[in-house]
């Protein structure tokens, strides 16, 4: 059962009638990432981590300079 009181209800859609988006007419969507998509996500994450590390190093340098 896809519908229940704990499930948020989306705006009414022509599916099972309750508006949750399930049912026989729900459109098919991939539920996995391709290898290329996973690689790109990890590269983006690595860039974010490097930027964060650079910001932390800069904050440490500023604090050390104040002493």
PDB file of N, CA and C in Angstrom:
ATOM      1  N   UNK A   1       0.848  -1.188   0.000  1.00  0.00           N
ATOM      2  CA  UNK A   1       0.000   0.000   0.000  1.00  0.00           C
ATOM      3  C   UNK A   1       0.884   1.237   0.000  1.00  0.00           C
ATOM      4  N   UNK A   2       0.687   2.090  -0.984  1.00  0.00           N
ATOM      5  CA  UNK A   2       1.539   3.265  -1.116  1.00  0.00           C
ATOM      6  C   UNK A   2       0.980   4.463  -0.381  1.00  0.00           C
ATOM      7  N   UNK A   3      -0.281   4.470  -0.131  1.00  0.00           N
ATOM      8  CA  UNK A   3      -0.920   5.635   0.475  1.00  0.00           C
ATOM      9  C   UNK A   3      -1.186   5.377   1.944  1.00  0.00           C
ATOM     10  N   UNK A   4      -0.983   6.344   2.741  1.00  0.00           N
ATOM     11  CA  UNK A   4      -1.249   6.184   4.157  1.00  0.00           C
ATOM     12  C   UNK A   4      -1.194   7.515   4.859  1.00  0.00           C
ATOM     13  N   UNK A   5      -1.584   7.541   6.106  1.00  0.00           N
ATOM     14  CA  UNK A   5      -1.604   8.815   6.827  1.00  0.00           C
ATOM     15  C   UNK A   5      -0.224   9.408   7.030  1.00  0.00           C
ATOM     16  N   UNK A   6       0.834   8.577   7.020  1.00  0.00           N
ATOM     17  CA  UNK A   6       2.171   9.117   7.242  1.00  0.00           C
ATOM     18  C   UNK A   6       2.813   9.614   5.950  1.00  0.00           C
ATOM     19  N   UNK A   7       2.193   9.337   4.813  1.00  0.00           N
ATOM     20  CA  UNK A   7       2.737   9.755   3.530  1.00  0.00           C
ATOM     21  C   UNK A   7       2.228  11.142   3.166  1.00  0.00           C
ATOM     22  N   UNK A   8       3.126  12.061   2.748  1.00  0.00           N
ATOM     23  CA  UNK A   8       2.646  13.363   2.296  1.00  0.00           C
ATOM     24  C   UNK A   8       1.850  13.179   1.009  1.00  0.00           C
ATOM     25  N   UNK A   9       0.799  13.919   0.859  1.00  0.00           N
ATOM     26  CA  UNK A   9      -0.051  13.777  -0.312  1.00  0.00           C
ATOM     27  C   UNK A   9       0.249  14.923  -1.262  1.00  0.00           C
ATOM     28  N   UNK A  10       0.581  14.549  -2.497  1.00  0.00           N
ATOM     29  CA  UNK A  10       0.885  15.523  -3.534  1.00  0.00           C
ATOM     30  C   UNK A  10      -0.419  16.089  -4.086  1.00  0.00           C
ATOM     31  N   UNK A  11      -0.322  17.135  -4.897  1.00  0.00           N
ATOM     32  CA  UNK A  11      -1.530  17.650  -5.543  1.00  0.00           C
ATOM     33  C   UNK A  11      -2.209  16.534  -6.329  1.00  0.00           C
ATOM     34  N   UNK A  12      -3.507  16.572  -6.466  1.00  0.00           N
ATOM     35  CA  UNK A  12      -4.219  15.500  -7.146  1.00  0.00           C
ATOM     36  C   UNK A  12      -3.638  15.201  -8.518  1.00  0.00           C
ATOM     37  N   UNK A  13      -3.439  13.944  -8.784  1.00  0.00           N
ATOM     38  CA  UNK A  13      -2.898  13.496 -10.057  1.00  0.00           C
ATOM     39  C   UNK A  13      -3.752  12.342 -10.555  1.00  0.00           C
ATOM     40  N   UNK A  14      -3.811  12.155 -11.860  1.00  0.00           N
ATOM     41  CA  UNK A  14      -4.634  11.075 -12.390  1.00  0.00           C
ATOM     42  C   UNK A  14      -3.943   9.716 -12.251  1.00  0.00           C
ATOM     43  N   UNK A  15      -3.803   9.246 -11.042  1.00  0.00           N
ATOM     44  CA  UNK A  15      -3.152   7.956 -10.816  1.00  0.00           C
ATOM     45  C   UNK A  15      -4.095   7.062 -10.047  1.00  0.00           C
ATOM     46  N   UNK A  16      -3.804   6.763  -8.797  1.00  0.00           N
ATOM     47  CA  UNK A  16      -4.654   5.850  -8.030  1.00  0.00           C
ATOM     48  C   UNK A  16      -5.834   6.567  -7.407  1.00  0.00           C
ATOM     49  N   UNK A  17      -5.874   7.874  -7.525  1.00  0.00           N
ATOM     50  CA  UNK A  17      -7.011   8.606  -7.018  1.00  0.00           C
ATOM     51  C   UNK A  17      -6.756   9.383  -5.742  1.00  0.00           C
ATOM     52  N   UNK A  18      -5.693   9.057  -5.014  1.00  0.00           N
ATOM     53  CA  UNK A  18      -5.453   9.767  -3.759  1.00  0.00           C
ATOM     54  C   UNK A  18      -4.510  10.943  -3.933  1.00  0.00           C
ATOM     55  N   UNK A  19      -3.821  11.028  -5.072  1.00  0.00           N
ATOM     56  CA  UNK A  19      -2.929  12.141  -5.316  1.00  0.00           C
ATOM     57  C   UNK A  19      -1.489  11.883  -4.940  1.00  0.00           C
ATOM     58  N   UNK A  20      -1.147  10.650  -4.546  1.00  0.00           N
ATOM     59  CA  UNK A  20       0.232  10.382  -4.118  1.00  0.00           C
ATOM     60  C   UNK A  20       1.166  10.128  -5.288  1.00  0.00           C
ATOM     61  N   UNK A  21       0.650   9.906  -6.479  1.00  0.00           N
ATOM     62  CA  UNK A  21       1.495   9.705  -7.648  1.00  0.00           C
ATOM     63  C   UNK A  21       1.746   8.253  -7.987  1.00  0.00           C
ATOM     64  N   UNK A  22       1.163   7.336  -7.258  1.00  0.00           N
ATOM     65  CA  UNK A  22       1.367   5.916  -7.549  1.00  0.00           C
ATOM     66  C   UNK A  22       0.225   5.408  -8.416  1.00  0.00           C
ATOM     67  N   UNK A  23       0.212   4.145  -8.664  1.00  0.00           N
ATOM     68  CA  UNK A  23      -0.886   3.544  -9.395  1.00  0.00           C
ATOM     69  C   UNK A  23      -0.473   3.102 -10.772  1.00  0.00           C
ATOM     70  N   UNK A  24      -1.391   2.527 -11.487  1.00  0.00           N
ATOM     71  CA  UNK A  24      -1.059   1.943 -12.785  1.00  0.00           C
ATOM     72  C   UNK A  24      -0.640   2.968 -13.823  1.00  0.00           C
ATOM     73  N   UNK A  25      -1.037   4.216 -13.687  1.00  0.00           N
ATOM     74  CA  UNK A  25      -0.670   5.206 -14.694  1.00  0.00           C
ATOM     75  C   UNK A  25       0.531   6.050 -14.274  1.00  0.00           C
ATOM     76  N   UNK A  26       1.178   5.693 -13.168  1.00  0.00           N
ATOM     77  CA  UNK A  26       2.376   6.437 -12.755  1.00  0.00           C
ATOM     78  C   UNK A  26       3.457   6.221 -13.804  1.00  0.00           C
ATOM     79  N   UNK A  27       4.141   7.287 -14.177  1.00  0.00           N
ATOM     80  CA  UNK A  27       5.154   7.163 -15.220  1.00  0.00           C
ATOM     81  C   UNK A  27       6.406   6.494 -14.675  1.00  0.00           C
ATOM     82  N   UNK A  28       7.106   5.787 -15.551  1.00  0.00           N
ATOM     83  CA  UNK A  28       8.333   5.091 -15.175  1.00  0.00           C
ATOM     84  C   UNK A  28       9.472   6.088 -15.078  1.00  0.00           C
ATOM     85  N   UNK A  29      10.235   5.998 -14.001  1.00  0.00           N
ATOM     86  CA  UNK A  29      11.430   6.814 -13.846  1.00  0.00           C
ATOM     87  C   UNK A  29      12.560   5.906 -13.408  1.00  0.00           C
ATOM     88  N   UNK A  30      13.762   6.174 -13.939  1.00  0.00           N
ATOM     89  CA  UNK A  30      14.931   5.410 -13.506  1.00  0.00           C
ATOM     90  C   UNK A  30      15.121   5.592 -12.018  1.00  0.00           C
ATOM     91  N   UNK A  31      15.590   4.567 -11.360  1.00  0.00           N
ATOM     92  CA  UNK A  31      15.868   4.676  -9.938  1.00  0.00           C
ATOM     93  C   UNK A  31      17.321   4.347  -9.654  1.00  0.00           C
ATOM     94  N   UNK A  32      18.179   4.541 -10.637  1.00  0.00           N
ATOM     95  CA  UNK A  32      19.598   4.296 -10.475  1.00  0.00           C
ATOM     96  C   UNK A  32      20.367   5.347 -11.257  1.00  0.00           C
ATOM     97  N   UNK A  33      21.636   5.491 -10.931  1.00  0.00           N
ATOM     98  CA  UNK A  33      22.494   6.418 -11.658  1.00  0.00           C
ATOM     99  C   UNK A  33      23.428   5.625 -12.549  1.00  0.00           C
ATOM    100  N   UNK A  34      23.758   6.200 -13.700  1.00  0.00           N
ATOM    101  CA  UNK A  34      24.745   5.566 -14.553  1.00  0.00           C
ATOM    102  C   UNK A  34      26.130   5.775 -13.938  1.00  0.00           C
ATOM    103  N   UNK A  35      27.084   5.035 -14.425  1.00  0.00           N
ATOM    104  CA  UNK A  35      28.455   5.174 -13.935  1.00  0.00           C
ATOM    105  C   UNK A  35      28.941   6.610 -14.161  1.00  0.00           C
ATOM    106  N   UNK A  36      28.630   7.165 -15.319  1.00  0.00           N
ATOM    107  CA  UNK A  36      29.068   8.524 -15.642  1.00  0.00           C
ATOM    108  C   UNK A  36      28.443   9.541 -14.691  1.00  0.00           C
ATOM    109  N   UNK A  37      27.180   9.351 -14.342  1.00  0.00           N
ATOM    110  CA  UNK A  37      26.524  10.260 -13.407  1.00  0.00           C
ATOM    111  C   UNK A  37      27.137  10.158 -12.020  1.00  0.00           C
ATOM    112  N   UNK A  38      27.446   8.935 -11.581  1.00  0.00           N
ATOM    113  CA  UNK A  38      28.074   8.760 -10.265  1.00  0.00           C
ATOM    114  C   UNK A  38      29.452   9.407 -10.242  1.00  0.00           C
ATOM    115  N   UNK A  39      30.217   9.234 -11.330  1.00  0.00           N
ATOM    116  CA  UNK A  39      31.549   9.842 -11.408  1.00  0.00           C
ATOM    117  C   UNK A  39      31.433  11.361 -11.336  1.00  0.00           C
ATOM    118  N   UNK A  40      30.477  11.942 -12.070  1.00  0.00           N
ATOM    119  CA  UNK A  40      30.323  13.397 -12.058  1.00  0.00           C
ATOM    120  C   UNK A  40      29.910  13.899 -10.691  1.00  0.00           C
ATOM    121  N   UNK A  41      29.007  13.190 -10.031  1.00  0.00           N
ATOM    122  CA  UNK A  41      28.589  13.582  -8.679  1.00  0.00           C
ATOM    123  C   UNK A  41      29.782  13.569  -7.732  1.00  0.00           C
ATOM    124  N   UNK A  42      30.614  12.536  -7.826  1.00  0.00           N
ATOM    125  CA  UNK A  42      31.790  12.453  -6.950  1.00  0.00           C
ATOM    126  C   UNK A  42      32.804  13.536  -7.265  1.00  0.00           C
ATOM    127  N   UNK A  43      32.987  13.856  -8.547  1.00  0.00           N
ATOM    128  CA  UNK A  43      33.908  14.942  -8.912  1.00  0.00           C
ATOM    129  C   UNK A  43      33.407  16.284  -8.381  1.00  0.00           C
ATOM    130  N   UNK A  44      32.109  16.510  -8.485  1.00  0.00           N
ATOM    131  CA  UNK A  44      31.533  17.748  -7.947  1.00  0.00           C
ATOM    132  C   UNK A  44      31.714  17.813  -6.434  1.00  0.00           C
ATOM    133  N   UNK A  45      31.494  16.688  -5.777  1.00  0.00           N
ATOM    134  CA  UNK A  45      31.664  16.622  -4.326  1.00  0.00           C
ATOM    135  C   UNK A  45      33.114  16.888  -3.939  1.00  0.00           C
ATOM    136  N   UNK A  46      34.053  16.305  -4.685  1.00  0.00           N
ATOM    137  CA  UNK A  46      35.475  16.518  -4.417  1.00  0.00           C
ATOM    138  C   UNK A  46      35.843  17.991  -4.561  1.00  0.00           C
ATOM    139  N   UNK A  47      35.312  18.642  -5.573  1.00  0.00           N
ATOM    140  CA  UNK A  47      35.581  20.070  -5.753  1.00  0.00           C
ATOM    141  C   UNK A  47      35.036  20.871  -4.571  1.00  0.00           C
ATOM    142  N   UNK A  48      33.837  20.521  -4.105  1.00  0.00           N
ATOM    143  CA  UNK A  48      33.266  21.203  -2.939  1.00  0.00           C
ATOM    144  C   UNK A  48      34.114  20.989  -1.692  1.00  0.00           C
ATOM    145  N   UNK A  49      34.585  19.766  -1.493  1.00  0.00           N
ATOM    146  CA  UNK A  49      35.417  19.460  -0.324  1.00  0.00           C
ATOM    147  C   UNK A  49      36.728  20.223  -0.397  1.00  0.00           C
ATOM    148  N   UNK A  50      37.323  20.290  -1.571  1.00  0.00           N
ATOM    149  CA  UNK A  50      38.579  21.042  -1.721  1.00  0.00           C
ATOM    150  C   UNK A  50      38.366  22.523  -1.429  1.00  0.00           C
ATOM    151  N   UNK A  51      37.253  23.075  -1.906  1.00  0.00           N
ATOM    152  CA  UNK A  51      36.955  24.486  -1.623  1.00  0.00           C
ATOM    153  C   UNK A  51      36.748  24.713  -0.136  1.00  0.00           C
ATOM    154  N   UNK A  52      36.062  23.780   0.495  1.00  0.00           N
ATOM    155  CA  UNK A  52      35.831  23.891   1.943  1.00  0.00           C
ATOM    156  C   UNK A  52      37.160  23.798   2.699  1.00  0.00           C
ATOM    157  N   UNK A  53      38.031  22.888   2.283  1.00  0.00           N
ATOM    158  CA  UNK A  53      39.329  22.734   2.940  1.00  0.00           C
ATOM    159  C   UNK A  53      40.155  24.016   2.782  1.00  0.00           C
ATOM    160  N   UNK A  54      40.101  24.616   1.606  1.00  0.00           N
ATOM    161  CA  UNK A  54      40.836  25.863   1.382  1.00  0.00           C
ATOM    162  C   UNK A  54      40.305  26.969   2.289  1.00  0.00           C
ATOM    163  N   UNK A  55      38.995  27.019   2.466  1.00  0.00           N
ATOM    164  CA  UNK A  55      38.405  28.033   3.344  1.00  0.00           C
ATOM    165  C   UNK A  55      38.822  27.804   4.795  1.00  0.00           C
ATOM    166  N   UNK A  56      38.883  26.551   5.216  1.00  0.00           N
ATOM    167  CA  UNK A  56      39.303  26.238   6.585  1.00  0.00           C
ATOM    168  C   UNK A  56      40.767  26.616   6.775  1.00  0.00           C
ATOM    169  N   UNK A  57      41.611  26.298   5.793  1.00  0.00           N
ATOM    170  CA  UNK A  57      43.023  26.667   5.887  1.00  0.00           C
ATOM    171  C   UNK A  57      43.179  28.182   5.979  1.00  0.00           C
ATOM    172  N   UNK A  58      42.383  28.912   5.231  1.00  0.00           N
ATOM    173  CA  UNK A  58      42.438  30.374   5.268  1.00  0.00           C
ATOM    174  C   UNK A  58      41.997  30.889   6.636  1.00  0.00           C
ATOM    175  N   UNK A  59      40.969  30.307   7.203  1.00  0.00           N
ATOM    176  CA  UNK A  59      40.492  30.728   8.532  1.00  0.00           C
ATOM    177  C   UNK A  59      41.547  30.452   9.584  1.00  0.00           C
ATOM    178  N   UNK A  60      42.216  29.305   9.490  1.00  0.00           N
ATOM    179  CA  UNK A  60      43.271  28.964  10.433  1.00  0.00           C
ATOM    180  C   UNK A  60      44.427  29.954  10.299  1.00  0.00           C
ATOM    181  N   UNK A  61      44.804  30.265   9.067  1.00  0.00           N
ATOM    182  CA  UNK A  61      45.900  31.216   8.843  1.00  0.00           C
ATOM    183  C   UNK A  61      45.557  32.593   9.420  1.00  0.00           C
ATOM    184  N   UNK A  62      44.309  33.018   9.247  1.00  0.00           N
ATOM    185  CA  UNK A  62      43.902  34.319   9.801  1.00  0.00           C
ATOM    186  C   UNK A  62      43.957  34.314  11.326  1.00  0.00           C
ATOM    187  N   UNK A  63      43.500  33.238  11.935  1.00  0.00           N
ATOM    188  CA  UNK A  63      43.543  33.157  13.391  1.00  0.00           C
ATOM    189  C   UNK A  63      44.974  33.126  13.912  1.00  0.00           C
ATOM    190  N   UNK A  64      45.841  32.417  13.224  1.00  0.00           N
ATOM    191  CA  UNK A  64      47.242  32.359  13.643  1.00  0.00           C
ATOM    192  C   UNK A  64      47.920  33.708  13.471  1.00  0.00           C
ATOM    193  N   UNK A  65      47.516  34.472  12.450  1.00  0.00           N
ATOM    194  CA  UNK A  65      48.101  35.780  12.211  1.00  0.00           C
ATOM    195  C   UNK A  65      47.695  36.785  13.285  1.00  0.00           C
ATOM    196  N   UNK A  66      46.544  36.589  13.907  1.00  0.00           N
ATOM    197  CA  UNK A  66      46.067  37.498  14.942  1.00  0.00           C
ATOM    198  C   UNK A  66      46.847  37.343  16.231  1.00  0.00           C
ATOM    199  N   UNK A  67      47.452  36.211  16.455  1.00  0.00           N
ATOM    200  CA  UNK A  67      48.122  35.959  17.720  1.00  0.00           C
ATOM    201  C   UNK A  67      49.433  36.664  17.839  1.00  0.00           C
TER     202      UNK A  67
END
